[in-house]
C-alpha cells in the first residue's frame, strides 16, 4: 500500500493535471511541442543546490554541459570520475528542478561529478546524435523509461487507462519526431530491441499507474532471457538487473517528494556506489 505522503502527492498531481486529455489529442500534443520549441524552457540550474555543491558550465559542440560536484571533490585531481545524467521529458521538455536535486544528491552521496548535458530536443530528429562523453557512468531516465516508441504493447495500452500523467498519442508523436528517418523500432529509437549483451548492471524503476511500466517490465523479461513481449509485474534482483516496482506509484516516482521517492533516490546512490570502480 502506498504511504500517506505518496497518496497525498498523487492526489495533488492529479488535481493540478486534471487529466491527460491534451496528451491524447494529436493536435494539442503537436502544438505543445511546437510552443516549447519556439519558447524554450529555462535550462539553467537553481541558484543553489546546497552549501557543499558547486555548479560549473562548459559548452560542448555549442551545447551547454553542466557539472555538479561537491566542494570536497573540487580539491582533488582534475581527472575525476563522473556520472552522465540524461534527463527525461518526452524528448521535447527541458530539465526540471527535480532532476537538478537528484544530481546534487548523487554527487553528495557518491563523490562523483554529475554531468548534465542540455541536449537537442524534438522537433529536431535527435536519435542519431553523437555521444557527448566517453568513460562516464550513465544515468539515463531509468525511472520510468520509454523503451519502445511505438507505444503499442497491450500492457502499455491497458496501463494508459489508469495513467493520468502520460498519454499514448502524445508519446507516439514525440517518439516519431525523435526517430527522424529511422524506423520507430530501430534500437537507436526504441532501445528495447537492441543488443543487451554488453549492457552494464542496471537499476530501473516502474510504477503500475504509469503506462511506461509496461516497457520496464518487458526489459526485465528480456534481461531474464524471456520473451520481450512478456510484461509481468513484480520487482526482481539479479547480478545484471535491479528492478523496483512499487504498488500505486506514478511516472518517475523516485523524483517525487514522498517517502517512496526518498527511498528510490537512496537506492540510486547505493547502486552507483556498489558498482563504482574506485
Foldseek 3Di string as FASTA:
>chain_A
DDDPQQVVLVVVVCVVLVFCVLQADQVSLVVVLVVCVVVPDDQDAPPDLDPQWDWDWDADPNWIKIKIAGVVLVPDDPPFAEEEEEEDDLQRHHDDNLSVNLQNVLRVLAVHIYMYTGDDGPLAQPLPPDDDDPDHHYHYPQQLDQQQQQLPQPQLVVLQVLARPHHNSSSNVRLPSNNPPHPRRDCSSRVLPPDCPPPAADEHEDESNESSLQQVQLSVQVVVVHHSSDRDDDFDDDNRYGYYYDYPDHGSQLSDPDPVVVVVSVVVSVVCNVPDDD
